[in-house]
């Protein structure tokens, strides 16, 4: 018993010491741990903020370096500059810097220096330089680059038809479309690997020519594109003429587009993906008369599915404008032509008959930043 009571007192007497020794230090340790976590979180936040600020500073410095003439840009005006001392990789980097900032003046200077020192850049750089020269109508620099390649890399010229398609584009820009078409036809015939590039060139050149409304030029372009369609079954250039003429402000151009559609069966097949885009563009400018004529021609050419798509676009256009008369005409016309309106259009028409206000939500254009955000910290 004495041993029991003595042990109990000992335990009770020591309990306060045990609490002080074990409980309080554990509480202090917990507080220190929480404080350390807070400090760690603050450090992480500070580190994250510093990284963001550093990225912003780096971007600002890059923009400042682009806006201010760099050492390699200033070197073009230095008479002591010797291009012959540069290796091919260094030469390519010089071209890349000028191309990336769109410095066409220094690109031409570099090309002149390459010709002077007989230094030929790589093929990808050459193609970019030739594209810039052709788009600006610089025939002389293109001819000089061809001469440079003849001395250093003649195999490049054989594979790329002596870059005659770039010369053809430059000649077109300068106004001699007939000569340009001859060169394009020659390259198109000889080198099938360059046909895709020629299509892309013709796409922009045709659009610009129709925009300038040169009837003589349009006639020659039409003959050339019809020849490509007939001999090579390539309807892309002809479809570019059709789309540009349909979207033209001139009635004669629009009539030409409708005639092309009537005359070319292959063109009608190639245009299946372009018709809706052209119709929506025409309706945005309220050019409804030409759209009605297009529907009639599509039905004459037995293109009922395409005609139905155009008709639905017209119906939605009149629904948006709350024009009951036009909507009623289209409904009657669809019944006569045995074309069924989808359920959504029928619902809109019924609500319009009942006098309800119909809210039509247009698709908003998506906007994208020119430079994607950098999420790497």
Protein backbone atom coordinates (compact mmCIF):
# COMPACT_ATOMS: atom_id res chain seq x y z
CA UNK A 1 0.00 0.00 0.00
CA UNK A 2 2.76 2.40 0.89
CA UNK A 3 4.39 1.62 -2.40
CA UNK A 4 1.09 2.31 -4.25
CA UNK A 5 0.45 5.69 -2.53
CA UNK A 6 4.04 6.71 -2.96
CA UNK A 7 3.96 5.90 -6.67
CA UNK A 8 0.65 7.79 -7.07
CA UNK A 9 2.04 10.90 -5.40
CA UNK A 10 5.13 10.65 -7.49
CA UNK A 11 3.03 10.47 -10.60
CA UNK A 12 0.81 13.37 -9.56
CA UNK A 13 3.78 15.47 -8.55
CA UNK A 14 5.56 14.84 -11.78
CA UNK A 15 2.53 15.37 -14.00
CA UNK A 16 3.03 19.11 -14.12
CA UNK A 17 6.66 18.59 -15.04
CA UNK A 18 5.68 16.08 -17.74
CA UNK A 19 3.23 18.59 -19.20
CA UNK A 20 5.86 21.30 -19.13
CA UNK A 21 8.53 19.08 -20.65
CA UNK A 22 6.48 17.32 -23.31
CA UNK A 23 3.27 19.27 -24.00
CA UNK A 24 4.60 22.83 -24.15
CA UNK A 25 7.59 22.02 -26.37
CA UNK A 26 5.25 20.14 -28.72
CA UNK A 27 3.01 23.23 -28.90
CA UNK A 28 6.02 25.41 -29.55
CA UNK A 29 7.17 23.01 -32.24
CA UNK A 30 3.71 23.13 -33.86
CA UNK A 31 3.76 26.93 -33.85
CA UNK A 32 7.23 26.93 -35.35
CA UNK A 33 6.06 24.49 -38.04
CA UNK A 34 3.08 26.68 -38.93
CA UNK A 35 5.33 29.72 -39.00
CA UNK A 36 7.81 27.88 -41.21
CA UNK A 37 4.98 26.91 -43.57
CA UNK A 38 3.81 30.52 -43.75
CA UNK A 39 7.34 31.68 -44.44
CA UNK A 40 7.74 28.94 -47.04
CA UNK A 41 4.50 29.98 -48.73
CA UNK A 42 5.59 33.58 -48.68
CA UNK A 43 8.94 32.59 -50.15
CA UNK A 44 7.22 30.62 -52.90
CA UNK A 45 4.94 33.57 -53.64
CA UNK A 46 7.90 35.94 -53.67
CA UNK A 47 9.79 33.57 -55.94
CA UNK A 48 6.78 33.31 -58.27
CA UNK A 49 6.40 37.12 -58.35
CA UNK A 50 10.10 37.60 -58.98
CA UNK A 51 9.96 35.13 -61.86
CA UNK A 52 7.02 37.00 -63.40
CA UNK A 53 8.81 40.32 -63.05
CA UNK A 54 11.98 38.85 -64.54
CA UNK A 55 10.05 37.50 -67.52
CA UNK A 56 8.48 40.93 -68.08
CA UNK A 57 11.90 42.56 -67.88
CA UNK A 58 13.33 40.06 -70.35
CA UNK A 59 10.47 40.69 -72.77
CA UNK A 60 10.93 44.45 -72.44
CA UNK A 61 14.65 44.10 -73.12
CA UNK A 62 13.97 41.97 -76.20
CA UNK A 63 11.52 44.56 -77.55
CA UNK A 64 13.98 47.31 -76.79
CA UNK A 65 16.71 45.40 -78.62
CA UNK A 66 14.43 45.03 -81.65
CA UNK A 67 13.36 48.67 -81.65
CA UNK A 68 16.93 49.92 -81.32
CA UNK A 69 19.45 49.13 -84.06
CA UNK A 70 21.56 46.21 -82.94
CA UNK A 71 25.24 45.74 -83.60
CA UNK A 72 24.56 43.46 -86.50
CA UNK A 73 22.10 45.96 -87.99
CA UNK A 74 24.56 48.82 -87.67
CA UNK A 75 27.24 46.73 -89.29
CA UNK A 76 25.50 47.07 -92.67
CA UNK A 77 26.59 50.72 -92.81
CA UNK A 78 30.16 49.94 -91.81
CA UNK A 79 32.47 50.03 -94.81
CA UNK A 80 34.92 47.70 -93.03
CA UNK A 81 32.33 44.92 -92.80
CA UNK A 82 33.51 41.84 -94.69
CA UNK A 83 30.86 39.17 -95.37
CA UNK A 84 33.57 36.80 -96.54
CA UNK A 85 34.70 36.27 -92.93
CA UNK A 86 31.36 34.74 -91.92
CA UNK A 87 30.53 31.04 -91.91
CA UNK A 88 27.31 29.81 -93.52
CA UNK A 89 25.56 29.42 -90.12
CA UNK A 90 26.44 32.98 -89.14
CA UNK A 91 25.22 34.21 -92.51
CA UNK A 92 21.90 32.41 -92.03
CA UNK A 93 21.49 33.95 -88.57
CA UNK A 94 22.01 37.41 -90.02
CA UNK A 95 19.28 36.78 -92.58
CA UNK A 96 16.96 35.28 -89.95
CA UNK A 97 17.26 38.36 -87.72
CA UNK A 98 16.42 40.67 -90.60
CA UNK A 99 13.52 38.44 -91.73
CA UNK A 100 12.05 38.12 -88.22
CA UNK A 101 11.82 41.89 -87.75
CA UNK A 102 10.62 42.44 -91.33
CA UNK A 103 13.64 44.55 -92.28
CA UNK A 104 13.34 44.22 -96.06
CA UNK A 105 15.89 46.96 -96.67
CA UNK A 106 18.67 45.10 -94.89
CA UNK A 107 17.57 41.80 -96.45
CA UNK A 108 18.23 43.29 -99.87
CA UNK A 109 21.54 44.73 -98.61
CA UNK A 110 22.57 41.32 -97.32
CA UNK A 111 21.64 39.71 -100.63
CA UNK A 112 23.77 42.28 -102.47
CA UNK A 113 26.70 41.56 -100.14
CA UNK A 114 26.27 37.81 -100.70
CA UNK A 115 26.48 38.35 -104.45
CA UNK A 116 29.52 40.61 -104.00
CA UNK A 117 31.43 38.09 -101.85
CA UNK A 118 30.04 35.01 -103.63
CA UNK A 119 28.45 33.62 -100.42
CA UNK A 120 25.26 31.56 -100.75
CA UNK A 121 22.92 31.07 -97.74
CA UNK A 122 20.97 27.89 -97.14
CA UNK A 123 17.95 26.94 -99.26
CA UNK A 124 15.27 27.79 -96.61
CA UNK A 125 16.77 31.27 -96.25
CA UNK A 126 16.95 31.66 -100.02
CA UNK A 127 13.27 30.78 -100.39
CA UNK A 128 12.24 33.37 -97.79
CA UNK A 129 14.39 36.04 -99.43
CA UNK A 130 13.01 35.20 -102.87
CA UNK A 131 9.45 35.39 -101.54
CA UNK A 132 10.07 38.86 -100.15
CA UNK A 133 11.66 39.98 -103.42
CA UNK A 134 8.84 38.58 -105.57
CA UNK A 135 6.10 40.12 -103.42
CA UNK A 136 7.82 43.50 -103.81
CA UNK A 137 8.38 43.10 -107.55
CA UNK A 138 12.18 43.04 -107.21
CA UNK A 139 13.12 41.25 -110.45
CA UNK A 140 16.77 42.32 -110.37
CA UNK A 141 17.59 40.76 -106.99
CA UNK A 142 15.88 37.50 -108.01
CA UNK A 143 17.96 37.33 -111.20
CA UNK A 144 21.16 38.03 -109.23
CA UNK A 145 20.33 35.31 -106.67
CA UNK A 146 19.84 32.83 -109.53
CA UNK A 147 23.29 33.80 -110.85
CA UNK A 148 24.77 33.32 -107.36
CA UNK A 149 23.29 29.82 -107.12
CA UNK A 150 24.67 28.92 -110.56
CA UNK A 151 28.19 29.46 -109.21
CA UNK A 152 27.77 27.80 -105.80
CA UNK A 153 24.79 25.38 -105.74
CA UNK A 154 23.54 24.61 -109.27
CA UNK A 155 21.63 21.56 -108.03
CA UNK A 156 19.25 23.90 -106.16
CA UNK A 157 18.31 25.56 -109.44
CA UNK A 158 17.55 22.26 -111.16
CA UNK A 159 15.22 21.17 -108.36
CA UNK A 160 13.43 24.53 -108.19
CA UNK A 161 13.15 25.39 -111.91
CA UNK A 162 15.64 28.24 -111.57
CA UNK A 163 13.16 30.04 -109.27
CA UNK A 164 11.21 31.18 -112.30
CA UNK A 165 7.93 31.16 -110.36
CA UNK A 166 9.30 33.88 -108.07
CA UNK A 167 10.34 35.87 -111.12
CA UNK A 168 6.83 35.35 -112.55
CA UNK A 169 5.25 36.78 -109.40
CA UNK A 170 7.55 39.81 -109.48
CA UNK A 171 6.71 40.41 -113.15
CA UNK A 172 2.98 40.17 -112.32
CA UNK A 173 3.42 42.75 -109.54
CA UNK A 174 5.10 45.07 -112.02
CA UNK A 175 2.09 44.82 -114.35
CA UNK A 176 3.11 42.44 -117.15
CA UNK A 177 0.54 39.74 -116.43
CA UNK A 178 0.73 38.04 -119.85
CA UNK A 179 4.48 37.37 -119.53
CA UNK A 180 3.98 36.26 -115.93
CA UNK A 181 1.30 33.74 -116.94
CA UNK A 182 3.67 32.24 -119.52
CA UNK A 183 6.35 31.70 -116.88
CA UNK A 184 3.83 30.24 -114.42
CA UNK A 185 2.57 27.84 -117.09
CA UNK A 186 6.10 26.74 -117.94
CA UNK A 187 7.06 26.02 -114.32
CA UNK A 188 3.68 24.37 -113.62
CA UNK A 189 4.21 22.06 -116.58
CA UNK A 190 7.84 21.15 -115.81
CA UNK A 191 7.86 20.81 -112.02
CA UNK A 192 4.89 19.22 -110.29
CA UNK A 193 6.51 19.70 -106.86
CA UNK A 194 6.15 23.49 -107.25
CA UNK A 195 2.46 23.42 -108.21
CA UNK A 196 1.23 23.91 -104.67
CA UNK A 197 3.44 26.98 -104.30
CA UNK A 198 2.15 28.34 -107.63
CA UNK A 199 -1.45 27.86 -106.47
CA UNK A 200 -0.77 29.92 -103.35
CA UNK A 201 0.85 32.67 -105.43
CA UNK A 202 -2.04 32.74 -107.90
CA UNK A 203 -4.59 32.90 -105.09
CA UNK A 204 -3.35 36.29 -103.84
CA UNK A 205 -2.46 37.62 -107.30
CA UNK A 206 -5.91 36.83 -108.72
CA UNK A 207 -7.68 38.46 -105.78
CA UNK A 208 -5.61 41.64 -106.17
CA UNK A 209 -6.19 41.80 -109.93
CA UNK A 210 -9.97 41.44 -109.60
CA UNK A 211 -9.97 44.02 -106.84
CA UNK A 212 -8.29 46.47 -109.24
CA UNK A 213 -11.00 45.63 -111.83
CA UNK A 214 -8.84 45.16 -114.90
CA UNK A 215 -11.10 43.44 -117.46
CA UNK A 216 -8.29 42.70 -119.93
CA UNK A 217 -6.16 41.14 -117.20
CA UNK A 218 -9.14 39.15 -115.91
CA UNK A 219 -9.79 37.70 -119.36
CA UNK A 220 -6.18 36.47 -119.70
CA UNK A 221 -6.21 35.05 -116.17
CA UNK A 222 -9.49 33.24 -116.88
CA UNK A 223 -8.07 31.63 -120.05
CA UNK A 224 -4.96 30.51 -118.16
CA UNK A 225 -6.94 29.03 -115.25
CA UNK A 226 -9.34 27.23 -117.60
CA UNK A 227 -6.31 25.70 -119.33
CA UNK A 228 -4.98 24.42 -116.00
CA UNK A 229 -8.39 22.94 -115.23
CA UNK A 230 -8.70 21.27 -118.61
CA UNK A 231 -5.16 19.90 -119.01
CA UNK A 232 -4.24 19.16 -115.38
CA UNK A 233 -7.65 18.84 -113.71
CA UNK A 234 -6.62 21.60 -111.29
CA UNK A 235 -9.68 23.75 -110.51
CA UNK A 236 -8.18 25.65 -107.60
CA UNK A 237 -7.09 28.74 -109.62
CA UNK A 238 -10.47 28.82 -111.37
CA UNK A 239 -12.29 28.57 -108.05
CA UNK A 240 -10.20 31.52 -106.81
CA UNK A 241 -11.51 33.54 -109.78
CA UNK A 242 -15.08 32.49 -108.97
CA UNK A 243 -14.85 33.45 -105.31
CA UNK A 244 -13.16 36.81 -105.98
CA UNK A 245 -15.70 37.66 -108.70
CA UNK A 246 -18.65 36.68 -106.48
CA UNK A 247 -17.38 38.93 -103.70
CA UNK A 248 -16.58 41.79 -106.07
CA UNK A 249 -18.52 45.05 -105.90
CA UNK A 250 -18.89 45.05 -109.69
CA UNK A 251 -21.97 43.47 -111.20
CA UNK A 252 -20.04 42.33 -114.30
CA UNK A 253 -17.63 40.35 -112.11
CA UNK A 254 -20.54 38.67 -110.33
CA UNK A 255 -22.11 37.75 -113.68
CA UNK A 256 -18.80 36.22 -114.77
CA UNK A 257 -18.77 34.07 -111.62
CA UNK A 258 -22.28 32.77 -112.35
CA UNK A 259 -21.31 32.02 -115.98
CA UNK A 260 -18.27 30.07 -114.81
CA UNK A 261 -20.51 28.01 -112.57
CA UNK A 262 -22.86 27.21 -115.44
CA UNK A 263 -20.09 26.28 -117.89
CA UNK A 264 -17.77 24.11 -115.75
CA UNK A 265 -18.97 20.88 -114.22
CA UNK A 266 -15.60 20.28 -112.52
CA UNK A 267 -15.69 23.75 -111.01
CA UNK A 268 -19.08 23.05 -109.43
CA UNK A 269 -17.60 20.04 -107.63
CA UNK A 270 -14.58 22.06 -106.50
CA UNK A 271 -16.77 24.86 -105.14
CA UNK A 272 -18.77 22.80 -102.67
CA UNK A 273 -16.71 24.13 -99.76
CA UNK A 274 -16.53 27.74 -100.97
CA UNK A 275 -20.19 28.50 -101.68
CA UNK A 276 -21.30 28.94 -98.06
CA UNK A 277 -18.44 31.31 -97.30
CA UNK A 278 -19.21 33.44 -100.37
CA UNK A 279 -22.95 33.54 -99.56
CA UNK A 280 -22.37 34.62 -95.94
CA UNK A 281 -20.01 37.36 -97.12
CA UNK A 282 -22.58 38.57 -99.66
CA UNK A 283 -25.38 38.63 -97.09
CA UNK A 284 -23.21 40.61 -94.69
CA UNK A 285 -23.13 43.33 -97.37
CA UNK A 286 -26.89 42.85 -98.10
CA UNK A 287 -26.23 41.68 -101.68
CA UNK A 288 -29.39 39.57 -101.84
CA UNK A 289 -30.06 39.78 -105.59
CA UNK A 290 -26.90 37.91 -106.57
CA UNK A 291 -27.67 35.26 -103.92
CA UNK A 292 -31.12 34.64 -105.45
CA UNK A 293 -29.51 34.25 -108.87
CA UNK A 294 -26.99 31.84 -107.40
CA UNK A 295 -29.80 29.67 -106.00
CA UNK A 296 -31.45 29.52 -109.43
CA UNK A 297 -28.20 28.47 -111.14
CA UNK A 298 -27.50 25.84 -108.48
CA UNK A 299 -30.91 24.32 -109.09
CA UNK A 300 -30.38 24.40 -112.88
CA UNK A 301 -27.06 22.58 -112.37
CA UNK A 302 -28.81 19.97 -110.18
CA UNK A 303 -26.86 21.05 -107.06
CA UNK A 304 -29.83 20.71 -104.73
CA UNK A 305 -27.91 20.22 -101.50
CA UNK A 306 -25.84 23.37 -102.13
CA UNK A 307 -29.01 25.27 -103.13
CA UNK A 308 -30.72 24.17 -99.91
CA UNK A 309 -27.77 25.46 -97.86
CA UNK A 310 -27.88 28.85 -99.60
CA UNK A 311 -31.66 28.99 -99.13
CA UNK A 312 -31.36 28.39 -95.38
CA UNK A 313 -28.79 31.16 -95.16
CA UNK A 314 -31.22 33.48 -96.95
CA UNK A 315 -34.06 32.43 -94.64
CA UNK A 316 -31.96 33.19 -91.55
CA UNK A 317 -31.01 36.53 -93.08
CA UNK A 318 -34.68 37.57 -93.47
CA UNK A 319 -35.52 36.21 -90.02
CA UNK A 320 -32.83 38.47 -88.55
CA UNK A 321 -34.35 41.42 -90.40
CA UNK A 322 -37.91 40.41 -89.33
CA UNK A 323 -39.10 40.48 -92.94
CA UNK A 324 -42.26 38.35 -92.90
CA UNK A 325 -42.96 38.76 -96.62
CA UNK A 326 -39.58 37.40 -97.71
CA UNK A 327 -39.73 34.54 -95.21
CA UNK A 328 -43.20 33.59 -96.47
CA UNK A 329 -41.92 33.59 -100.07
CA UNK A 330 -39.04 31.28 -99.15
CA UNK A 331 -41.36 28.89 -97.30
CA UNK A 332 -43.66 28.67 -100.34
CA UNK A 333 -40.68 28.24 -102.62
CA UNK A 334 -39.28 25.38 -100.51
CA UNK A 335 -42.64 23.61 -100.74
CA UNK A 336 -42.66 23.98 -104.53
CA UNK A 337 -39.06 22.73 -104.84
CA UNK A 338 -39.64 19.92 -102.32
CA UNK A 339 -36.97 21.25 -99.96
CA UNK A 340 -37.68 20.69 -96.27
CA UNK A 341 -36.84 23.42 -93.76
CA UNK A 342 -35.13 22.15 -90.61
CA UNK A 343 -37.05 22.20 -87.34
CA UNK A 344 -35.08 25.18 -85.99
CA UNK A 345 -36.03 27.35 -88.98
CA UNK A 346 -39.67 26.22 -88.77
CA UNK A 347 -39.77 27.19 -85.08
CA UNK A 348 -38.34 30.64 -85.86
CA UNK A 349 -40.89 31.15 -88.63
CA UNK A 350 -43.83 30.21 -86.36
CA UNK A 351 -42.61 32.56 -83.64
CA UNK A 352 -42.24 35.32 -86.22
CA UNK A 353 -45.85 34.69 -87.33
CA UNK A 354 -47.00 34.96 -83.72
CA UNK A 355 -45.25 38.31 -83.42
CA UNK A 356 -42.65 37.15 -80.92
CA UNK A 357 -39.28 38.85 -80.78
CA UNK A 358 -36.58 36.52 -82.03
CA UNK A 359 -33.10 37.03 -80.72
CA UNK A 360 -30.51 35.81 -83.17
CA UNK A 361 -27.06 35.38 -81.70
CA UNK A 362 -24.31 35.90 -84.20
CA UNK A 363 -21.10 34.02 -83.89
CA UNK A 364 -18.53 36.30 -82.36
CA UNK A 365 -15.13 36.44 -83.93
CA UNK A 366 -12.51 34.87 -81.78
CA UNK A 367 -9.59 37.06 -80.96
CA UNK A 368 -6.21 35.60 -80.26
CA UNK A 369 -3.15 37.23 -78.84
CA UNK A 370 -0.31 37.63 -81.30
CA UNK A 371 2.11 36.15 -78.78
CA UNK A 372 0.96 33.18 -76.65
CA UNK A 373 1.43 33.56 -72.89
CA UNK A 374 4.50 31.96 -71.36
CA UNK A 375 3.53 29.72 -68.44
CA UNK A 376 7.04 28.55 -67.66
CA UNK A 377 8.35 30.19 -64.49
